[in-house]
Amino acid sequence: MTEARPERRRVTISDPQVMRALAHPARMAIMEHLSAVEGGVTATECAEIAGLSPSATSYHLRELAKFGLVREAPGRGDARERVWEAVNASYSVDAGPDADPDTRAAEAALVEAHLVRDAQRVRDWLRRAPDEPREWYEATWLSDSVLLLTSEELVEVNRAIQELIAPYRQRARTDPPAGVRKVAMQYRAMPID
């Protein structure tokens, strides 16, 4: 069994400026990558992930640093190389029930950006699924379930799912078995009536 690394702190973002800074596809990709990699990465290494040039990626890293989301990491021995790391392993967004309209709009923009990215991941999978190995094709699951829950039961379901997936998070696995792949798992639970 793979031994898990200790989980780094998760922060809740409620500042609309920070939400707006994160609501950019390249910045979301950079944050996802930095949050999963130990020891930090350079702008050049992030550029491929973000689909940008190293100079454009450097700009986004500096912008994320302004909001305290990333910071310079210890170097790798080459003084010319600038290494970056995520300040926190993960974040959640919560404008709060009494948020002003500007904060609500910033939260909606960030959530929308995530939904667009998640939908694109599904479309990308569907396009290449026929060419994937059979075991991955059969292991993939797209589902929509309607449950009847109280708010307390929904909290319980959410906690159980978080506990179930925690050992498999990329940043938590120190020695993953052969054959692993990055798998995006989107989970949403909200009243629909």
Protein backbone atom coordinates (compact mmCIF):
# COMPACT_ATOMS: atom_id res chain seq x y z
CA MET A 1 0.00 0.00 0.00
CA THR A 2 1.19 3.49 -0.74
CA GLU A 3 2.06 5.64 2.23
CA ALA A 4 0.42 9.05 2.18
CA ARG A 5 2.29 12.30 2.72
CA PRO A 6 0.86 14.62 5.35
CA GLU A 7 -1.82 16.84 3.82
CA ARG A 8 -0.91 20.51 3.59
CA ARG A 9 -3.36 23.12 4.82
CA ARG A 10 -6.51 23.95 2.83
CA VAL A 11 -7.58 27.60 2.83
CA THR A 12 -10.90 29.24 2.14
CA ILE A 13 -10.83 32.21 -0.21
CA SER A 14 -13.45 34.91 0.30
CA ASP A 15 -11.63 37.93 -1.15
CA PRO A 16 -13.13 38.92 -4.54
CA GLN A 17 -9.75 40.13 -5.87
CA VAL A 18 -8.20 36.73 -5.19
CA MET A 19 -11.18 34.99 -6.78
CA ARG A 20 -10.82 37.13 -9.90
CA ALA A 21 -7.07 36.42 -10.01
CA LEU A 22 -7.81 32.68 -10.00
CA ALA A 23 -10.60 32.82 -12.60
CA HIS A 24 -8.20 32.45 -15.51
CA PRO A 25 -7.66 29.10 -17.26
CA ALA A 26 -3.85 29.36 -17.25
CA ARG A 27 -3.76 30.31 -13.57
CA MET A 28 -6.06 27.44 -12.67
CA ALA A 29 -3.76 25.04 -14.54
CA ILE A 30 -0.69 26.52 -12.84
CA MET A 31 -2.27 26.29 -9.38
CA GLU A 32 -3.40 22.71 -9.99
CA HIS A 33 0.11 21.73 -11.08
CA LEU A 34 1.91 23.54 -8.26
CA SER A 35 -0.45 22.07 -5.68
CA ALA A 36 0.32 18.55 -6.87
CA VAL A 37 4.11 18.79 -7.21
CA GLU A 38 6.51 18.71 -4.30
CA GLY A 39 9.59 20.91 -4.40
CA GLY A 40 8.21 23.51 -6.77
CA VAL A 41 8.59 24.11 -10.50
CA THR A 42 9.94 26.77 -12.80
CA ALA A 43 7.92 28.98 -15.15
CA THR A 44 9.34 26.99 -18.05
CA GLU A 45 8.06 23.75 -16.51
CA CYS A 46 4.64 25.33 -15.89
CA ALA A 47 4.47 26.78 -19.40
CA GLU A 48 3.70 23.43 -21.02
CA ILE A 49 0.94 22.74 -18.47
CA ALA A 50 -0.58 26.20 -18.97
CA GLY A 51 -0.17 26.20 -22.75
CA LEU A 52 1.75 29.47 -22.66
CA SER A 53 5.27 30.76 -23.23
CA PRO A 54 7.61 30.79 -20.21
CA SER A 55 7.47 34.61 -20.12
CA ALA A 56 3.65 34.64 -20.08
CA THR A 57 3.68 31.95 -17.41
CA SER A 58 6.14 34.03 -15.35
CA TYR A 59 3.66 36.92 -15.49
CA HIS A 60 0.85 34.70 -14.18
CA LEU A 61 3.08 33.31 -11.43
CA ARG A 62 3.96 36.85 -10.31
CA GLU A 63 0.26 37.79 -10.30
CA LEU A 64 -0.58 34.72 -8.21
CA ALA A 65 2.26 35.65 -5.85
CA LYS A 66 0.77 39.14 -5.37
CA PHE A 67 -2.29 37.47 -3.85
CA GLY A 68 -0.29 35.09 -1.66
CA LEU A 69 -1.23 31.97 -3.61
CA VAL A 70 2.30 31.05 -4.76
CA ARG A 71 5.77 31.92 -3.56
CA GLU A 72 9.35 31.40 -4.58
CA ALA A 73 10.61 28.02 -3.44
CA PRO A 74 14.16 27.13 -2.46
CA GLY A 75 16.35 26.90 -5.55
CA ARG A 76 17.74 23.71 -7.00
CA GLY A 77 21.34 24.84 -6.95
CA ASP A 78 21.22 26.95 -10.11
CA ALA A 79 21.01 30.59 -9.06
CA ARG A 80 19.56 31.53 -12.46
CA GLU A 81 16.54 29.29 -12.02
CA ARG A 82 13.46 30.71 -10.24
CA VAL A 83 11.40 27.96 -8.60
CA TRP A 84 7.79 28.47 -7.51
CA GLU A 85 5.52 26.54 -5.16
CA ALA A 86 1.90 26.78 -4.01
CA VAL A 87 1.49 28.35 -0.59
CA ASN A 88 -1.37 25.96 0.19
CA ALA A 89 -2.12 22.55 -1.25
CA SER A 90 -5.74 23.36 -1.97
CA TYR A 91 -8.35 25.99 -1.53
CA SER A 92 -12.07 26.34 -1.41
CA VAL A 93 -14.08 29.40 -2.34
CA ASP A 94 -16.78 30.77 -0.08
CA ALA A 95 -18.16 34.26 -0.49
CA GLY A 96 -20.44 33.61 2.48
CA PRO A 97 -24.21 34.00 2.70
CA ASP A 98 -24.03 37.77 3.35
CA ALA A 99 -21.52 38.65 0.63
CA ASP A 100 -21.87 41.87 -1.33
CA PRO A 101 -22.72 41.74 -5.06
CA ASP A 102 -19.09 42.25 -6.15
CA THR A 103 -17.92 39.29 -4.08
CA ARG A 104 -20.81 37.15 -5.33
CA ALA A 105 -19.93 38.04 -8.94
CA ALA A 106 -16.25 37.16 -8.38
CA GLU A 107 -17.23 33.83 -6.82
CA ALA A 108 -19.59 33.07 -9.72
CA ALA A 109 -16.86 33.92 -12.27
CA LEU A 110 -14.38 31.57 -10.58
CA VAL A 111 -16.89 28.74 -10.28
CA GLU A 112 -17.89 29.24 -13.93
CA ALA A 113 -14.23 29.06 -14.98
CA HIS A 114 -13.89 25.74 -13.13
CA LEU A 115 -17.08 24.40 -14.71
CA VAL A 116 -15.82 25.30 -18.19
CA ARG A 117 -12.52 23.53 -17.50
CA ASP A 118 -14.30 20.46 -16.11
CA ALA A 119 -16.66 20.27 -19.10
CA GLN A 120 -13.69 20.52 -21.47
CA ARG A 121 -12.00 17.62 -19.69
CA VAL A 122 -15.10 15.48 -20.24
CA ARG A 123 -15.28 16.47 -23.92
CA ASP A 124 -11.56 15.67 -24.34
CA TRP A 125 -12.09 12.25 -22.77
CA LEU A 126 -15.11 11.44 -24.95
CA ARG A 127 -13.14 12.39 -28.06
CA ARG A 128 -10.21 10.10 -27.27
CA ALA A 129 -12.06 7.35 -25.31
CA PRO A 130 -12.34 4.93 -28.26
CA ASP A 131 -8.54 4.93 -28.58
CA GLU A 132 -7.89 4.41 -24.86
CA PRO A 133 -6.92 1.03 -23.38
CA ARG A 134 -9.97 -1.08 -22.63
CA GLU A 135 -9.34 -1.11 -18.85
CA TRP A 136 -9.39 2.70 -18.72
CA TYR A 137 -12.45 2.90 -20.97
CA GLU A 138 -14.32 0.49 -18.70
CA ALA A 139 -13.09 2.10 -15.47
CA THR A 140 -14.34 5.56 -16.43
CA TRP A 141 -17.66 6.55 -14.94
CA LEU A 142 -19.88 9.49 -15.84
CA SER A 143 -23.00 9.56 -13.73
CA ASP A 144 -25.76 11.81 -12.49
CA SER A 145 -27.70 10.73 -9.42
CA VAL A 146 -30.60 12.44 -7.70
CA LEU A 147 -30.61 11.73 -3.98
CA LEU A 148 -33.13 12.55 -1.25
CA LEU A 149 -31.12 14.00 1.64
CA THR A 150 -31.40 16.33 4.58
CA SER A 151 -28.72 19.03 4.87
CA GLU A 152 -27.15 17.00 7.70
CA GLU A 153 -27.06 13.88 5.51
CA LEU A 154 -25.49 15.87 2.66
CA VAL A 155 -22.74 17.03 5.02
CA GLU A 156 -22.20 13.38 6.00
CA VAL A 157 -22.03 12.23 2.34
CA ASN A 158 -19.58 15.03 1.49
CA ARG A 159 -17.29 14.08 4.39
CA ALA A 160 -17.39 10.39 3.46
CA ILE A 161 -16.42 11.13 -0.14
CA GLN A 162 -13.56 13.39 0.95
CA GLU A 163 -12.26 10.67 3.26
CA LEU A 164 -12.58 8.06 0.51
CA ILE A 165 -10.57 10.01 -2.09
CA ALA A 166 -7.97 11.61 0.24
CA PRO A 167 -5.37 8.78 -0.02
CA TYR A 168 -5.46 8.96 -3.82
CA ARG A 169 -4.79 12.69 -4.21
CA GLN A 170 -1.70 13.24 -6.34
CA ARG A 171 0.08 15.29 -3.71
CA ALA A 172 -0.61 12.63 -1.05
CA ARG A 173 0.90 9.65 -2.88
CA THR A 174 4.60 9.13 -2.31
CA ASP A 175 5.01 5.85 -4.17
CA PRO A 176 2.09 5.25 -6.53
CA PRO A 177 1.85 1.83 -8.19
CA ALA A 178 2.75 1.24 -11.83
CA GLY A 179 0.04 2.14 -14.30
CA VAL A 180 -1.35 5.18 -12.49
CA ARG A 181 -2.71 8.08 -14.50
CA LYS A 182 -4.01 11.48 -13.51
CA VAL A 183 -7.77 11.18 -13.14
CA ALA A 184 -10.02 14.24 -12.83
CA MET A 185 -12.90 13.67 -10.46
CA GLN A 186 -15.58 16.32 -10.36
CA TYR A 187 -18.08 16.12 -7.56
CA ARG A 188 -21.00 18.46 -7.11
CA ALA A 189 -23.79 18.16 -4.59
CA MET A 190 -26.51 20.80 -4.42
CA PRO A 191 -30.27 21.05 -4.12
CA ILE A 192 -31.99 21.12 -7.51
CA ASP A 193 -35.61 21.73 -6.52
